[in-house]
C-alpha atoms as a PDB file:
ATOM      1  CA  UNK A   1      -3.104   5.300 -12.157  1.00  0.00           C
ATOM      2  CA  UNK A   2      -0.499   5.513  -9.419  1.00  0.00           C
ATOM      3  CA  UNK A   3       1.606   2.402  -8.763  1.00  0.00           C
ATOM      4  CA  UNK A   4       3.517   2.657  -5.496  1.00  0.00           C
ATOM      5  CA  UNK A   5       6.197   0.034  -5.069  1.00  0.00           C
ATOM      6  CA  UNK A   6       9.449  -1.008  -3.500  1.00  0.00           C
ATOM      7  CA  UNK A   7      11.544  -2.055  -6.539  1.00  0.00           C
ATOM      8  CA  UNK A   8      13.252  -4.978  -4.730  1.00  0.00           C
ATOM      9  CA  UNK A   9       9.908  -6.475  -3.669  1.00  0.00           C
ATOM     10  CA  UNK A  10       9.095  -9.663  -5.636  1.00  0.00           C
ATOM     11  CA  UNK A  11       5.325  -9.083  -5.339  1.00  0.00           C
ATOM     12  CA  UNK A  12       5.758  -5.574  -6.758  1.00  0.00           C
ATOM     13  CA  UNK A  13       7.741  -6.986  -9.688  1.00  0.00           C
ATOM     14  CA  UNK A  14       4.958  -9.517 -10.397  1.00  0.00           C
ATOM     15  CA  UNK A  15       2.304  -6.796 -10.227  1.00  0.00           C
ATOM     16  CA  UNK A  16       4.285  -4.509 -12.539  1.00  0.00           C
ATOM     17  CA  UNK A  17       4.743  -7.329 -15.050  1.00  0.00           C
ATOM     18  CA  UNK A  18       0.978  -7.997 -14.919  1.00  0.00           C
ATOM     19  CA  UNK A  19       0.204  -4.311 -15.590  1.00  0.00           C
ATOM     20  CA  UNK A  20       2.700  -4.221 -18.462  1.00  0.00           C
ATOM     21  CA  UNK A  21       1.268  -7.395 -20.018  1.00  0.00           C
ATOM     22  CA  UNK A  22      -2.244  -5.914 -19.833  1.00  0.00           C
ATOM     23  CA  UNK A  23      -0.868  -2.647 -21.231  1.00  0.00           C
ATOM     24  CA  UNK A  24      -2.335  -0.692 -18.328  1.00  0.00           C
ATOM     25  CA  UNK A  25      -0.556   2.672 -18.059  1.00  0.00           C
ATOM     26  CA  UNK A  26       0.660   3.782 -14.635  1.00  0.00           C
ATOM     27  CA  UNK A  27       2.889   6.261 -12.878  1.00  0.00           C
ATOM     28  CA  UNK A  28       5.581   4.527 -10.859  1.00  0.00           C
ATOM     29  CA  UNK A  29       6.513   5.767  -7.380  1.00  0.00           C
ATOM     30  CA  UNK A  30       9.247   4.433  -5.076  1.00  0.00           C
ATOM     31  CA  UNK A  31       7.663   3.987  -1.646  1.00  0.00           C
ATOM     32  CA  UNK A  32      10.836   4.717   0.337  1.00  0.00           C
ATOM     33  CA  UNK A  33      12.080   7.678  -1.697  1.00  0.00           C
ATOM     34  CA  UNK A  34       8.605   9.223  -1.769  1.00  0.00           C
ATOM     35  CA  UNK A  35       6.667   7.897   1.203  1.00  0.00           C
ATOM     36  CA  UNK A  36       2.888   8.443   1.085  1.00  0.00           C
ATOM     37  CA  UNK A  37       1.869  11.454   3.159  1.00  0.00           C
ATOM     38  CA  UNK A  38      -0.652  11.413   5.984  1.00  0.00           C
ATOM     39  CA  UNK A  39      -3.148  13.246   3.733  1.00  0.00           C
ATOM     40  CA  UNK A  40      -2.689  10.778   0.869  1.00  0.00           C
ATOM     41  CA  UNK A  41      -3.036   7.755   3.145  1.00  0.00           C
ATOM     42  CA  UNK A  42      -6.149   9.174   4.786  1.00  0.00           C
ATOM     43  CA  UNK A  43      -7.770   9.842   1.405  1.00  0.00           C
ATOM     44  CA  UNK A  44      -6.854   6.410   0.007  1.00  0.00           C
ATOM     45  CA  UNK A  45      -8.010   4.642   3.151  1.00  0.00           C
ATOM     46  CA  UNK A  46     -11.396   6.426   2.968  1.00  0.00           C
ATOM     47  CA  UNK A  47     -11.805   5.599  -0.739  1.00  0.00           C
ATOM     48  CA  UNK A  48     -10.758   1.976  -0.326  1.00  0.00           C
ATOM     49  CA  UNK A  49     -13.474   0.827   2.060  1.00  0.00           C
ATOM     50  CA  UNK A  50     -10.878  -1.552   3.542  1.00  0.00           C
ATOM     51  CA  UNK A  51      -9.882  -1.870   7.189  1.00  0.00           C
ATOM     52  CA  UNK A  52      -6.848   0.300   7.950  1.00  0.00           C
ATOM     53  CA  UNK A  53      -4.888  -2.819   8.900  1.00  0.00           C
ATOM     54  CA  UNK A  54      -4.834  -3.740   5.188  1.00  0.00           C
ATOM     55  CA  UNK A  55      -2.509  -0.776   4.594  1.00  0.00           C
ATOM     56  CA  UNK A  56       0.170  -2.180   6.897  1.00  0.00           C
ATOM     57  CA  UNK A  57       2.973  -4.390   5.603  1.00  0.00           C
ATOM     58  CA  UNK A  58       2.381  -7.032   8.283  1.00  0.00           C
ATOM     59  CA  UNK A  59       5.169  -9.278   6.985  1.00  0.00           C
ATOM     60  CA  UNK A  60       7.760  -6.486   7.051  1.00  0.00           C
ATOM     61  CA  UNK A  61      10.696  -6.392   9.448  1.00  0.00           C
ATOM     62  CA  UNK A  62       9.824  -2.918  10.734  1.00  0.00           C
ATOM     63  CA  UNK A  63       6.242  -3.981  11.518  1.00  0.00           C
ATOM     64  CA  UNK A  64       7.620  -6.866  13.568  1.00  0.00           C
ATOM     65  CA  UNK A  65      10.367  -4.809  15.239  1.00  0.00           C
ATOM     66  CA  UNK A  66       7.829  -2.221  16.369  1.00  0.00           C
ATOM     67  CA  UNK A  67       5.524  -5.035  17.592  1.00  0.00           C
ATOM     68  CA  UNK A  68       2.624  -3.415  15.777  1.00  0.00           C
ATOM     69  CA  UNK A  69       0.536  -6.588  15.795  1.00  0.00           C
ATOM     70  CA  UNK A  70      -0.135  -5.926  19.477  1.00  0.00           C
ATOM     71  CA  UNK A  71      -0.063  -2.121  19.403  1.00  0.00           C
ATOM     72  CA  UNK A  72      -2.373  -1.288  16.471  1.00  0.00           C
ATOM     73  CA  UNK A  73      -5.577  -2.296  18.242  1.00  0.00           C
ATOM     74  CA  UNK A  74      -4.902   0.360  20.933  1.00  0.00           C
ATOM     75  CA  UNK A  75      -4.132   3.122  18.413  1.00  0.00           C
ATOM     76  CA  UNK A  76      -6.661   5.504  16.877  1.00  0.00           C
ATOM     77  CA  UNK A  77      -7.077   5.656  13.086  1.00  0.00           C
ATOM     78  CA  UNK A  78      -5.284   8.994  13.104  1.00  0.00           C
ATOM     79  CA  UNK A  79      -2.327   7.556  15.048  1.00  0.00           C
ATOM     80  CA  UNK A  80      -2.134   4.606  12.652  1.00  0.00           C
ATOM     81  CA  UNK A  81      -2.218   6.877   9.586  1.00  0.00           C
ATOM     82  CA  UNK A  82       0.475   9.120  11.075  1.00  0.00           C
ATOM     83  CA  UNK A  83       2.624   6.070  11.788  1.00  0.00           C
ATOM     84  CA  UNK A  84       2.181   4.782   8.211  1.00  0.00           C
ATOM     85  CA  UNK A  85       3.253   8.169   6.851  1.00  0.00           C
ATOM     86  CA  UNK A  86       6.564   8.023   8.749  1.00  0.00           C
ATOM     87  CA  UNK A  87       8.097   5.135   6.820  1.00  0.00           C
ATOM     88  CA  UNK A  88       7.270   3.580   3.448  1.00  0.00           C
ATOM     89  CA  UNK A  89       8.444   0.182   4.671  1.00  0.00           C
ATOM     90  CA  UNK A  90       5.392   0.040   6.954  1.00  0.00           C
ATOM     91  CA  UNK A  91       3.000   0.373   4.010  1.00  0.00           C
ATOM     92  CA  UNK A  92       1.639  -2.713   2.222  1.00  0.00           C
ATOM     93  CA  UNK A  93       2.866  -2.812  -1.334  1.00  0.00           C
ATOM     94  CA  UNK A  94       2.288  -2.572  -4.123  1.00  0.00           C
ATOM     95  CA  UNK A  95      -0.300   0.104  -3.547  1.00  0.00           C
ATOM     96  CA  UNK A  96      -2.434   1.097  -6.525  1.00  0.00           C
ATOM     97  CA  UNK A  97      -4.592   4.208  -6.671  1.00  0.00           C
ATOM     98  CA  UNK A  98      -6.788   4.688  -9.725  1.00  0.00           C
ATOM     99  CA  UNK A  99      -9.583   7.214  -9.210  1.00  0.00           C
ATOM    100  CA  UNK A 100     -11.757   5.740  -6.475  1.00  0.00           C
ATOM    101  CA  UNK A 101     -10.094   2.318  -6.691  1.00  0.00           C
ATOM    102  CA  UNK A 102      -7.424   1.582  -4.087  1.00  0.00           C
ATOM    103  CA  UNK A 103      -5.702  -1.808  -3.905  1.00  0.00           C
ATOM    104  CA  UNK A 104      -3.028  -3.032  -1.494  1.00  0.00           C
ATOM    105  CA  UNK A 105      -0.873  -6.046  -2.266  1.00  0.00           C
ATOM    106  CA  UNK A 106      -1.215  -8.046  -5.468  1.00  0.00           C
ATOM    107  CA  UNK A 107      -4.024 -10.563  -5.891  1.00  0.00           C
ATOM    108  CA  UNK A 108      -4.372 -11.219  -9.596  1.00  0.00           C
ATOM    109  CA  UNK A 109      -8.099 -12.056  -9.431  1.00  0.00           C
ATOM    110  CA  UNK A 110      -8.873  -8.862  -7.524  1.00  0.00           C
ATOM    111  CA  UNK A 111      -6.810  -6.755  -9.930  1.00  0.00           C
ATOM    112  CA  UNK A 112      -8.462  -8.459 -12.909  1.00  0.00           C
ATOM    113  CA  UNK A 113     -11.878  -7.524 -11.531  1.00  0.00           C
ATOM    114  CA  UNK A 114     -11.118  -3.947 -10.432  1.00  0.00           C
ATOM    115  CA  UNK A 115      -8.650  -2.693 -13.022  1.00  0.00           C
END
């Protein structure tokens, strides 16, 4: 299982603690040092069955600075994926990829059910 996080993020810390308590093994990846590629994001998005908007860190400063709330609806999926692959701070975190399971953010009940 791949656990993509920003180490200073409090939600990521909570999620990591949850995984450790459940003794679920994972490979840790720093989202800024190793930003997800366009290919990875496209694959994860397709596996997830979620709307692409769920992959955006909508509470992040960069999202707000770029005024993406208004711009995303006029962008194609490909444009959105390319944008996400330019900067890890745009990507919702933590991001978990385990086989065909892809989760964005940390909702304990959802993680309990799917992991």
